[in-house]
Amino acid sequence: MAEIDRVRRNCRRGLLELDVVLTRFLDRHFESLSPQQRDAFNRMLDYPDNDLWDLVTGKQAPPDAETARIVSLFE
């Protein structure tokens, strides 16, 4: 299975809004991410839905600089 397919599967969430935002992010940015940024994005996918939503909407501060770079691409 290709990496993008695995990540796309992991982007399927219980919150429809989060599903849409993550899928849009993949389509627009995933191919251009560095390996470190891809790792940061994959770590973000381990967050519970509500925490991840707060992170991508700016209600929660990113825990590190690499995650902050990823979150900035959601804007």
N, C-alpha and C. Protein backbone atom coordinates (compact mmCIF):
# COMPACT_ATOMS: atom_id res chain seq x y z
N MET A 1 0.85 -1.17 0.00
CA MET A 1 0.00 0.00 0.00
C MET A 1 0.90 1.24 0.00
N ALA A 2 0.58 2.18 -0.84
CA ALA A 2 1.34 3.42 -0.93
C ALA A 2 1.16 4.24 0.34
N GLU A 3 2.18 5.03 0.66
CA GLU A 3 2.13 5.85 1.88
C GLU A 3 0.91 6.76 1.89
N ILE A 4 0.63 7.42 0.77
CA ILE A 4 -0.51 8.34 0.70
C ILE A 4 -1.82 7.62 0.98
N ASP A 5 -1.95 6.39 0.51
CA ASP A 5 -3.17 5.63 0.75
C ASP A 5 -3.33 5.28 2.23
N ARG A 6 -2.21 4.92 2.87
CA ARG A 6 -2.25 4.60 4.29
C ARG A 6 -2.61 5.85 5.10
N VAL A 7 -2.00 6.97 4.75
CA VAL A 7 -2.29 8.21 5.47
C VAL A 7 -3.73 8.64 5.23
N ARG A 8 -4.19 8.51 3.99
CA ARG A 8 -5.59 8.88 3.68
C ARG A 8 -6.56 8.04 4.52
N ARG A 9 -6.26 6.77 4.68
CA ARG A 9 -7.11 5.91 5.51
C ARG A 9 -7.10 6.39 6.96
N ASN A 10 -5.93 6.83 7.45
CA ASN A 10 -5.82 7.31 8.82
C ASN A 10 -6.49 8.67 9.02
N CYS A 11 -6.78 9.36 7.93
CA CYS A 11 -7.45 10.66 8.01
C CYS A 11 -8.96 10.52 8.17
N ARG A 12 -9.48 9.33 8.00
CA ARG A 12 -10.92 9.12 8.19
C ARG A 12 -11.24 9.28 9.66
N ARG A 13 -12.08 10.24 9.99
CA ARG A 13 -12.36 10.57 11.37
C ARG A 13 -13.85 10.53 11.64
N GLY A 14 -14.20 10.60 12.92
CA GLY A 14 -15.59 10.63 13.33
C GLY A 14 -16.24 11.99 13.09
N LEU A 15 -15.45 13.04 13.11
CA LEU A 15 -15.97 14.38 12.83
C LEU A 15 -15.90 14.66 11.33
N LEU A 16 -17.03 14.86 10.72
CA LEU A 16 -17.08 15.10 9.28
C LEU A 16 -16.22 16.31 8.89
N GLU A 17 -16.29 17.37 9.68
CA GLU A 17 -15.51 18.57 9.36
C GLU A 17 -14.02 18.25 9.32
N LEU A 18 -13.57 17.45 10.26
CA LEU A 18 -12.16 17.07 10.33
C LEU A 18 -11.79 16.19 9.15
N ASP A 19 -12.67 15.29 8.78
CA ASP A 19 -12.49 14.44 7.61
C ASP A 19 -12.25 15.30 6.36
N VAL A 20 -13.07 16.32 6.18
CA VAL A 20 -12.98 17.20 5.02
C VAL A 20 -11.67 17.98 5.04
N VAL A 21 -11.32 18.56 6.19
CA VAL A 21 -10.11 19.38 6.31
C VAL A 21 -8.87 18.53 6.06
N LEU A 22 -8.81 17.34 6.64
CA LEU A 22 -7.63 16.48 6.48
C LEU A 22 -7.49 15.99 5.04
N THR A 23 -8.59 15.63 4.41
CA THR A 23 -8.54 15.17 3.03
C THR A 23 -8.08 16.30 2.11
N ARG A 24 -8.59 17.49 2.34
CA ARG A 24 -8.18 18.65 1.54
C ARG A 24 -6.69 18.91 1.73
N PHE A 25 -6.21 18.81 2.97
CA PHE A 25 -4.79 18.99 3.25
C PHE A 25 -3.95 17.98 2.47
N LEU A 26 -4.36 16.73 2.50
CA LEU A 26 -3.63 15.69 1.77
C LEU A 26 -3.55 16.02 0.29
N ASP A 27 -4.68 16.37 -0.29
CA ASP A 27 -4.73 16.66 -1.72
C ASP A 27 -3.85 17.85 -2.11
N ARG A 28 -3.78 18.83 -1.24
CA ARG A 28 -3.03 20.06 -1.56
C ARG A 28 -1.55 20.00 -1.19
N HIS A 29 -1.21 19.33 -0.10
CA HIS A 29 0.12 19.50 0.46
C HIS A 29 0.96 18.24 0.67
N PHE A 30 0.35 17.09 0.78
CA PHE A 30 1.10 15.93 1.25
C PHE A 30 2.31 15.61 0.39
N GLU A 31 2.18 15.65 -0.89
CA GLU A 31 3.28 15.29 -1.78
C GLU A 31 4.50 16.21 -1.61
N SER A 32 4.28 17.44 -1.20
CA SER A 32 5.39 18.39 -1.06
C SER A 32 6.00 18.43 0.34
N LEU A 33 5.47 17.65 1.27
CA LEU A 33 6.01 17.64 2.64
C LEU A 33 7.34 16.91 2.70
N SER A 34 8.22 17.40 3.55
CA SER A 34 9.48 16.71 3.80
C SER A 34 9.19 15.47 4.65
N PRO A 35 10.13 14.55 4.74
CA PRO A 35 9.93 13.38 5.61
C PRO A 35 9.64 13.77 7.07
N GLN A 36 10.29 14.80 7.56
CA GLN A 36 10.04 15.25 8.93
C GLN A 36 8.62 15.80 9.08
N GLN A 37 8.17 16.53 8.08
CA GLN A 37 6.81 17.08 8.11
C GLN A 37 5.78 15.96 8.00
N ARG A 38 6.06 14.96 7.21
CA ARG A 38 5.15 13.81 7.11
C ARG A 38 5.07 13.09 8.45
N ASP A 39 6.20 12.95 9.12
CA ASP A 39 6.19 12.34 10.45
C ASP A 39 5.35 13.16 11.42
N ALA A 40 5.51 14.48 11.38
CA ALA A 40 4.73 15.36 12.26
C ALA A 40 3.24 15.23 11.96
N PHE A 41 2.89 15.19 10.68
CA PHE A 41 1.49 15.03 10.31
C PHE A 41 0.95 13.69 10.81
N ASN A 42 1.71 12.64 10.65
CA ASN A 42 1.27 11.33 11.14
C ASN A 42 1.12 11.32 12.65
N ARG A 43 1.98 12.02 13.37
CA ARG A 43 1.82 12.13 14.83
C ARG A 43 0.52 12.87 15.16
N MET A 44 0.21 13.89 14.37
CA MET A 44 -1.04 14.62 14.59
C MET A 44 -2.25 13.70 14.46
N LEU A 45 -2.16 12.75 13.55
CA LEU A 45 -3.28 11.84 13.33
C LEU A 45 -3.53 10.91 14.52
N ASP A 46 -2.57 10.84 15.44
CA ASP A 46 -2.77 10.05 16.66
C ASP A 46 -3.59 10.79 17.70
N TYR A 47 -3.80 12.09 17.51
CA TYR A 47 -4.59 12.87 18.46
C TYR A 47 -6.05 12.43 18.41
N PRO A 48 -6.75 12.53 19.54
CA PRO A 48 -8.21 12.33 19.51
C PRO A 48 -8.84 13.40 18.62
N ASP A 49 -9.98 13.09 18.05
CA ASP A 49 -10.63 13.99 17.09
C ASP A 49 -10.78 15.42 17.61
N ASN A 50 -11.30 15.58 18.81
CA ASN A 50 -11.54 16.94 19.31
C ASN A 50 -10.24 17.71 19.51
N ASP A 51 -9.20 17.05 19.98
CA ASP A 51 -7.91 17.72 20.14
C ASP A 51 -7.31 18.09 18.78
N LEU A 52 -7.44 17.19 17.82
CA LEU A 52 -6.93 17.46 16.47
C LEU A 52 -7.69 18.63 15.84
N TRP A 53 -9.00 18.66 16.02
CA TRP A 53 -9.80 19.76 15.50
C TRP A 53 -9.35 21.08 16.11
N ASP A 54 -9.15 21.09 17.44
CA ASP A 54 -8.69 22.30 18.10
C ASP A 54 -7.33 22.73 17.57
N LEU A 55 -6.48 21.78 17.27
CA LEU A 55 -5.14 22.08 16.75
C LEU A 55 -5.23 22.71 15.36
N VAL A 56 -5.98 22.11 14.45
CA VAL A 56 -6.02 22.63 13.07
C VAL A 56 -6.85 23.92 12.95
N THR A 57 -7.71 24.19 13.93
CA THR A 57 -8.49 25.43 13.89
C THR A 57 -7.85 26.54 14.71
N GLY A 58 -6.69 26.25 15.32
CA GLY A 58 -5.98 27.27 16.07
C GLY A 58 -6.43 27.47 17.50
N LYS A 59 -7.30 26.62 17.99
CA LYS A 59 -7.76 26.74 19.37
C LYS A 59 -6.77 26.14 20.36
N GLN A 60 -5.87 25.32 19.85
CA GLN A 60 -4.83 24.70 20.67
C GLN A 60 -3.49 24.97 20.01
N ALA A 61 -2.51 25.31 20.81
CA ALA A 61 -1.17 25.60 20.29
C ALA A 61 -0.46 24.30 19.91
N PRO A 62 0.26 24.29 18.80
CA PRO A 62 1.04 23.11 18.41
C PRO A 62 2.11 22.81 19.46
N PRO A 63 2.39 21.53 19.68
CA PRO A 63 3.34 21.16 20.73
C PRO A 63 4.81 21.38 20.36
N ASP A 64 5.09 21.54 19.06
CA ASP A 64 6.49 21.72 18.64
C ASP A 64 6.52 22.47 17.31
N ALA A 65 7.73 22.85 16.91
CA ALA A 65 7.90 23.68 15.71
C ALA A 65 7.48 22.95 14.44
N GLU A 66 7.78 21.68 14.33
CA GLU A 66 7.42 20.92 13.12
C GLU A 66 5.91 20.82 12.97
N THR A 67 5.23 20.56 14.06
CA THR A 67 3.76 20.51 14.04
C THR A 67 3.20 21.88 13.70
N ALA A 68 3.82 22.93 14.23
CA ALA A 68 3.36 24.29 13.93
C ALA A 68 3.46 24.58 12.43
N ARG A 69 4.52 24.09 11.78
CA ARG A 69 4.66 24.28 10.32
C ARG A 69 3.52 23.58 9.58
N ILE A 70 3.18 22.39 10.03
CA ILE A 70 2.07 21.65 9.39
C ILE A 70 0.77 22.40 9.61
N VAL A 71 0.51 22.81 10.85
CA VAL A 71 -0.73 23.49 11.16
C VAL A 71 -0.86 24.77 10.34
N SER A 72 0.25 25.46 10.09
CA SER A 72 0.18 26.70 9.31
C SER A 72 -0.30 26.46 7.89
N LEU A 73 -0.14 25.26 7.38
CA LEU A 73 -0.61 24.93 6.03
C LEU A 73 -2.12 24.75 5.96
N PHE A 74 -2.76 24.58 7.11
CA PHE A 74 -4.22 24.44 7.13
C PHE A 74 -4.92 25.77 6.96
N GLU A 75 -4.20 26.86 7.14
CA GLU A 75 -4.83 28.19 7.07
C GLU A 75 -5.03 28.64 5.66
